[in-house]
Protein backbone atom coordinates (compact mmCIF):
# COMPACT_ATOMS: atom_id res chain seq x y z
CA MET A 1 11.20 -0.56 -30.11
CA ALA A 2 12.28 -2.19 -26.89
CA GLY A 3 8.76 -3.49 -26.25
CA VAL A 4 6.78 -3.57 -23.04
CA VAL A 5 8.57 -5.16 -20.10
CA LYS A 6 6.09 -6.93 -17.87
CA PRO A 7 6.19 -5.24 -14.45
CA LEU A 8 7.35 -7.11 -11.39
CA VAL A 9 5.04 -6.92 -8.40
CA GLU A 10 6.58 -8.04 -5.11
CA ASP A 11 4.50 -8.30 -1.93
CA LEU A 12 6.64 -7.57 1.14
CA ILE A 13 3.76 -7.90 3.59
CA ALA A 14 3.35 -11.34 5.16
CA ALA A 15 -0.07 -12.97 5.18
CA GLY A 16 -2.16 -11.56 8.01
CA GLU A 17 0.43 -8.88 8.83
CA LEU A 18 -1.79 -5.92 7.90
CA ARG A 19 -4.64 -7.23 10.02
CA ARG A 20 -2.36 -7.78 13.01
CA SER A 21 -0.96 -4.26 12.61
CA LEU A 22 -4.48 -2.83 12.47
CA GLN A 23 -5.45 -4.73 15.60
CA ARG A 24 -2.36 -3.49 17.47
CA ASP A 25 -2.88 0.11 16.39
CA VAL A 26 -6.58 0.13 17.27
CA ARG A 27 -6.12 -1.55 20.64
CA LYS A 28 -3.31 0.82 21.60
CA GLY A 29 -5.02 3.93 20.24
CA MET A 30 -8.49 3.31 21.62
CA LEU A 31 -7.25 2.46 25.10
CA ALA A 32 -4.91 5.47 25.30
CA GLY A 33 -5.68 8.45 27.51
CA HIS A 34 -6.25 10.51 24.37
CA LYS A 35 -7.71 8.23 21.70
CA MET A 36 -5.92 8.13 18.37
CA LEU A 37 -5.48 6.17 15.13
CA PRO A 38 -2.58 6.29 12.62
CA PRO A 39 -3.63 7.75 9.24
CA VAL A 40 -2.43 4.69 7.32
CA TRP A 41 -5.83 3.06 7.90
CA PHE A 42 -7.66 5.74 5.91
CA TYR A 43 -6.69 4.16 2.63
CA ASP A 44 -9.08 1.38 1.78
CA GLU A 45 -10.60 1.53 -1.71
CA VAL A 46 -13.17 4.16 -0.68
CA GLY A 47 -10.64 6.21 1.29
CA SER A 48 -8.13 6.19 -1.57
CA ALA A 49 -10.81 7.42 -4.00
CA LEU A 50 -11.87 10.17 -1.58
CA PHE A 51 -8.28 11.32 -1.09
CA ASP A 52 -7.85 11.47 -4.86
CA GLU A 53 -10.90 13.74 -4.89
CA ILE A 54 -9.43 15.86 -2.09
CA THR A 55 -6.31 16.59 -4.15
CA ARG A 56 -8.53 18.28 -6.75
CA LEU A 57 -10.44 20.52 -4.34
CA PRO A 58 -9.92 24.30 -4.59
CA GLU A 59 -8.94 24.50 -0.90
CA TYR A 60 -6.28 21.77 -1.18
CA TYR A 61 -3.37 23.82 -2.51
CA LEU A 62 -0.66 21.21 -1.77
CA THR A 63 -1.08 19.08 -4.88
CA ARG A 64 -1.25 22.08 -7.22
CA ALA A 65 1.78 23.74 -5.65
CA GLU A 66 3.88 20.58 -5.81
CA ARG A 67 2.80 19.82 -9.36
CA ALA A 68 3.71 23.34 -10.50
CA LEU A 69 7.17 22.94 -8.98
CA LEU A 70 7.66 19.60 -10.71
CA VAL A 71 6.52 20.98 -14.06
CA GLU A 72 8.98 23.85 -13.76
CA HIS A 73 11.97 22.04 -12.27
CA ALA A 74 11.74 18.32 -13.15
CA ALA A 75 14.24 18.66 -16.01
CA ARG A 76 16.74 20.33 -13.69
CA ILE A 77 16.13 17.67 -11.03
CA ALA A 78 16.79 14.97 -13.65
CA ASP A 79 20.07 16.64 -14.62
CA LEU A 80 21.22 17.07 -11.04
CA SER A 81 20.34 13.54 -9.97
CA GLY A 82 21.49 11.69 -13.06
CA ALA A 83 19.20 8.93 -11.81
CA THR A 84 19.13 5.58 -13.59
CA SER A 85 16.43 4.37 -11.16
CA LEU A 86 13.55 6.26 -9.57
CA VAL A 87 12.27 4.88 -6.25
CA GLU A 88 8.98 6.45 -5.18
CA LEU A 89 7.96 5.99 -1.55
CA GLY A 90 4.23 6.05 -0.82
CA ALA A 91 3.63 6.09 -4.57
CA GLY A 92 -0.17 5.77 -4.51
CA THR A 93 -1.64 6.20 -8.00
CA CYS A 94 1.75 7.39 -9.37
CA GLU A 95 -0.08 10.33 -10.95
CA LYS A 96 2.76 12.83 -10.48
CA THR A 97 5.37 10.22 -11.31
CA ARG A 98 5.27 10.98 -15.01
CA LEU A 99 6.52 14.52 -14.35
CA LEU A 100 9.74 12.97 -13.01
CA LEU A 101 9.87 9.98 -15.33
CA ASP A 102 9.59 12.00 -18.55
CA PRO A 103 12.81 14.05 -18.24
CA LEU A 104 14.73 11.04 -16.89
CA TRP A 105 13.40 8.89 -19.72
CA ASP A 106 14.25 11.56 -22.30
CA LYS A 107 17.86 11.57 -21.09
CA GLY A 108 18.08 7.90 -22.10
CA ILE A 109 19.58 6.73 -18.80
CA LEU A 110 16.54 5.59 -16.82
CA ALA A 111 16.45 1.81 -16.46
CA SER A 112 13.92 1.17 -13.68
CA TYR A 113 11.08 2.62 -11.66
CA VAL A 114 10.38 1.22 -8.18
CA PRO A 115 7.10 2.37 -6.59
CA LEU A 116 6.52 1.32 -2.96
CA ASP A 117 3.09 1.57 -1.38
CA VAL A 118 0.89 -0.35 1.04
CA SER A 119 -2.17 -0.25 -1.25
CA ALA A 120 -1.80 -3.39 -3.40
CA VAL A 121 -4.64 -2.81 -5.90
CA THR A 122 -3.75 0.82 -6.58
CA LEU A 123 -0.06 0.00 -6.96
CA GLN A 124 -0.61 -2.93 -9.32
CA GLN A 125 -2.87 -0.90 -11.59
CA ALA A 126 -0.38 1.97 -11.76
CA ALA A 127 2.55 -0.39 -12.40
CA PHE A 128 0.90 -2.00 -15.42
CA LEU A 129 -0.10 1.36 -16.90
CA LEU A 130 3.40 2.80 -16.56
CA ALA A 131 5.03 -0.30 -18.03
CA GLN A 132 2.86 0.16 -21.12
CA GLU A 133 3.56 3.89 -21.37
CA TYR A 134 7.34 3.59 -21.05
CA GLU A 135 8.31 0.72 -23.32
CA GLY A 136 11.50 -0.94 -22.14
CA LEU A 137 11.34 0.48 -18.60
CA LEU A 138 11.50 -2.09 -15.82
CA VAL A 139 8.75 -1.34 -13.29
CA HIS A 140 9.39 -3.21 -10.04
CA ALA A 141 6.45 -2.50 -7.71
CA LEU A 142 6.86 -3.20 -3.99
CA ILE A 143 3.76 -3.69 -1.85
CA GLY A 144 5.02 -2.56 1.54
CA ASP A 145 5.50 0.12 4.15
CA PHE A 146 8.13 2.80 3.52
CA ARG A 147 8.79 2.90 7.28
CA ARG A 148 9.81 -0.77 7.40
CA HIS A 149 10.82 -1.96 3.95
CA LEU A 150 13.47 0.47 2.73
CA GLY A 151 16.02 -2.31 2.98
CA LYS A 152 14.04 -4.35 0.44
CA VAL A 153 14.43 -1.79 -2.34
CA PRO A 154 16.61 -3.37 -5.07
CA LYS A 155 20.01 -1.73 -5.42
CA SER A 156 21.08 0.00 -8.60
CA PRO A 157 23.49 2.84 -9.46
CA ASN A 158 22.41 6.46 -9.05
CA GLN A 159 19.02 5.94 -7.46
CA MET A 160 16.74 8.86 -6.75
CA PHE A 161 14.36 8.26 -3.84
CA ALA A 162 11.26 10.47 -4.08
CA PHE A 163 8.87 11.13 -1.20
CA LEU A 164 6.22 13.57 -2.40
CA GLY A 165 2.84 14.96 -1.34
CA SER A 166 4.19 16.24 1.99
CA THR A 167 3.50 12.77 3.40
CA ILE A 168 6.55 13.39 5.58
CA GLY A 169 4.32 15.67 7.67
CA ASN A 170 2.24 12.68 8.80
CA LEU A 171 5.23 11.39 10.80
CA SER A 172 6.03 12.62 14.29
CA THR A 173 9.34 14.38 14.93
CA HIS A 174 10.72 11.16 16.40
CA ASP A 175 9.48 9.04 13.48
CA ARG A 176 10.84 11.49 10.90
CA ALA A 177 14.28 11.26 12.50
CA GLY A 178 14.14 7.48 12.31
CA PHE A 179 12.93 7.50 8.72
CA PHE A 180 15.62 9.93 7.55
CA SER A 181 18.31 7.87 9.30
CA ASP A 182 17.01 4.63 7.79
CA LEU A 183 16.93 6.20 4.35
CA ALA A 184 20.45 7.58 4.68
CA ALA A 185 21.63 4.09 5.65
CA VAL A 186 20.37 2.54 2.40
CA MET A 187 21.50 5.38 0.14
CA LYS A 188 24.80 4.93 -1.69
CA PRO A 189 27.23 7.58 -2.96
CA GLY A 190 25.59 9.05 -6.04
CA ASP A 191 22.04 8.51 -4.77
CA THR A 192 19.70 11.44 -4.14
CA PHE A 193 16.53 12.08 -2.16
CA LEU A 194 13.73 14.31 -3.48
CA LEU A 195 11.39 15.46 -0.70
CA GLY A 196 8.15 17.46 -0.90
CA ALA A 197 7.41 19.52 2.23
CA ASP A 198 4.48 21.80 3.04
CA LEU A 199 5.46 25.09 4.68
CA VAL A 200 4.04 27.03 7.63
CA LYS A 201 1.54 29.65 6.48
CA ASP A 202 -1.70 31.40 7.50
CA PRO A 203 -3.49 28.94 9.83
CA LYS A 204 -6.83 29.82 8.23
CA LYS A 205 -5.58 28.63 4.85
CA LEU A 206 -4.21 25.46 6.43
CA VAL A 207 -7.48 24.64 8.18
CA ARG A 208 -9.48 25.22 4.98
CA ALA A 209 -7.27 22.72 3.16
CA TYR A 210 -8.29 20.04 5.70
CA ASP A 211 -11.93 21.07 6.16
CA ASP A 212 -13.30 21.84 2.71
CA VAL A 213 -16.71 23.38 2.09
CA ALA A 214 -17.92 20.38 0.07
CA GLY A 215 -17.24 18.04 2.99
CA VAL A 216 -15.04 15.61 1.06
CA THR A 217 -12.37 15.59 3.77
CA ALA A 218 -15.05 14.97 6.38
CA ARG A 219 -16.24 11.90 4.45
CA PHE A 220 -12.63 10.76 4.11
CA ASN A 221 -12.08 11.10 7.85
CA LEU A 222 -15.35 9.41 8.83
CA ASN A 223 -14.69 6.52 6.45
CA VAL A 224 -12.01 5.17 8.79
CA LEU A 225 -14.83 4.15 11.13
CA ASN A 226 -16.29 2.06 8.31
CA VAL A 227 -12.88 0.41 7.94
CA LEU A 228 -12.91 -0.54 11.63
CA ASN A 229 -16.48 -1.82 11.38
CA ARG A 230 -15.66 -4.00 8.38
CA GLU A 231 -12.23 -5.28 9.42
CA LEU A 232 -12.61 -5.61 13.18
CA GLY A 233 -16.31 -6.15 13.70
CA ALA A 234 -16.77 -2.78 15.41
CA ASN A 235 -20.15 -1.07 15.60
CA PHE A 236 -19.24 2.60 15.16
CA ASP A 237 -22.09 4.78 13.92
CA PRO A 238 -20.37 7.48 11.82
CA SER A 239 -23.41 9.73 12.23
CA TYR A 240 -22.49 10.09 15.91
CA PHE A 241 -19.17 11.78 15.02
CA GLU A 242 -18.17 15.00 13.30
CA HIS A 243 -15.01 15.92 11.44
CA VAL A 244 -12.83 18.61 13.03
CA ALA A 245 -9.59 20.16 11.71
CA VAL A 246 -7.51 22.44 13.96
CA TRP A 247 -4.13 24.16 13.83
CA ASN A 248 -1.83 23.21 16.71
CA GLU A 249 0.50 26.19 16.96
CA GLU A 250 2.77 24.64 19.58
CA GLU A 251 3.42 21.51 17.48
CA SER A 252 3.29 23.38 14.14
CA ARG A 253 0.81 20.91 12.71
CA ILE A 254 -2.72 20.46 11.45
CA GLU A 255 -4.71 17.88 13.39
CA MET A 256 -7.78 16.01 12.14
CA HIS A 257 -10.14 14.61 14.75
CA LEU A 258 -13.43 12.76 14.87
CA ARG A 259 -15.43 14.33 17.71
CA ALA A 260 -18.26 12.42 19.39
CA THR A 261 -21.54 14.32 19.20
CA GLN A 262 -23.05 12.22 21.98
CA ALA A 263 -21.94 9.83 24.70
CA GLN A 264 -21.71 6.27 23.44
CA ALA A 265 -20.14 2.85 23.90
CA VAL A 266 -18.58 1.07 20.91
CA GLU A 267 -17.88 -2.65 20.79
CA ILE A 268 -14.88 -3.87 18.80
CA SER A 269 -15.70 -7.54 18.75
CA SER A 270 -12.51 -8.99 17.24
CA LEU A 271 -10.48 -7.27 19.99
CA GLY A 272 -12.95 -8.12 22.74
CA ILE A 273 -13.05 -4.53 23.98
CA ASN A 274 -15.66 -1.83 24.55
CA VAL A 275 -14.67 1.77 24.01
CA HIS A 276 -16.52 4.63 25.70
CA PHE A 277 -16.79 8.14 24.25
CA GLU A 278 -18.07 11.13 26.18
CA THR A 279 -19.92 13.91 24.37
CA GLY A 280 -17.29 16.13 22.74
CA GLU A 281 -14.48 13.58 23.16
CA ALA A 282 -12.08 13.55 20.20
CA LEU A 283 -10.37 10.72 18.35
CA LEU A 284 -7.15 11.98 16.71
CA THR A 285 -6.91 10.49 13.20
CA GLU A 286 -4.17 12.48 11.48
CA THR A 287 -1.44 15.01 12.13
CA SER A 288 0.22 16.92 9.31
CA ALA A 289 3.31 18.86 10.33
CA LYS A 290 4.19 22.06 8.48
CA PHE A 291 7.81 23.14 8.13
CA THR A 292 10.14 26.05 7.70
CA SER A 293 12.86 25.75 5.09
CA GLU A 294 15.55 25.93 7.76
CA GLY A 295 13.78 23.44 10.01
CA ILE A 296 13.37 20.63 7.48
CA GLN A 297 16.93 21.07 6.22
CA ALA A 298 18.20 20.79 9.80
CA GLU A 299 16.24 17.56 10.30
CA LEU A 300 17.77 16.10 7.14
CA ALA A 301 21.25 17.25 8.15
CA ARG A 302 20.99 15.46 11.49
CA ALA A 303 20.49 12.22 9.56
CA GLY A 304 23.52 12.91 7.35
CA LEU A 305 21.53 14.16 4.37
CA GLY A 306 22.76 17.45 2.97
CA VAL A 307 20.50 19.67 0.85
CA ASP A 308 22.32 21.31 -2.05
CA TRP A 309 19.26 22.31 -4.08
CA TRP A 310 15.76 23.39 -3.19
CA TRP A 311 12.83 25.11 -4.87
CA LYS A 312 9.87 27.00 -3.39
CA SER A 313 6.48 27.66 -4.94
CA ASP A 314 5.58 31.21 -6.01
CA GLU A 315 3.85 32.07 -2.73
CA SER A 316 6.37 30.09 -0.64
CA GLU A 317 3.60 27.65 0.24
CA TYR A 318 5.48 24.51 -0.58
CA MET A 319 9.00 23.33 -1.35
CA LEU A 320 10.95 20.56 -3.00
CA LEU A 321 14.38 19.62 -1.65
CA LEU A 322 17.02 17.46 -3.32
CA ALA A 323 19.41 15.92 -0.81
CA ALA A 324 22.36 13.56 -0.86
CA ARG A 325 24.42 11.80 1.76
CA SER A 326 26.84 14.21 3.39
């Protein structure tokens, strides 16, 4: 037995950096003509637990569709990639990771697993569990932002970068182009990129996935106001807002908003600003782009990433793509 290798946990985020980023995002977003917040601030401890609950809801088909694809095709993906290192971007709880790790581990060539995520507590817990489950595997956890810290990923031969959960849809068209280009720049010959992408479908089904009957997504959305209250000394009253999910046909994306149910003024004391909401005014908290197979492959191609293999779910709801540098 090789024995358990103690995981490495490396924090790439400088002291105070997250708070400064939150302050910048909130100041910019609240003072914009159309108020908005980036979805990264959803994921405090409560928000992470609520999102985990969302993935198990009957309306939230994405997780089930992606998992079914991984169960069916992970062995083939392992063969095609020949990966000796798996790098998972936005790893979260690493719950689906085992579906990729198992066939790579069984091949006897996997040496390391590198999860990268901004949530330190969640990542540390997952890293220690995986190190115990896969004796001899080096788990090198990186606490950081996949948009800024790709260059910090340790180099090794035949790396497979995985970006699952259709998190790619949370990025704007411009930001996706930048991310794909940055990723292509750090990939070496022999490296691969496994991407999960949600596909365009009946808007009613899409809206239901982001506005469930049990109201879990609403609680998840509203919780970001609690984050601002706690971290920035704001005085939002979540009961004065309602969760709204809409399909934006022109942008091919789901949008989540918090809509003010009454006119109000909110003080954000650490920023020294007061923010006014009119009745019915919306705060955009998340966008989730949906793709066509041809469209996402074209975006990857523009960054120099060619797709040789892809798999769609039974109802063509979701797809996995395996790309390499062209």
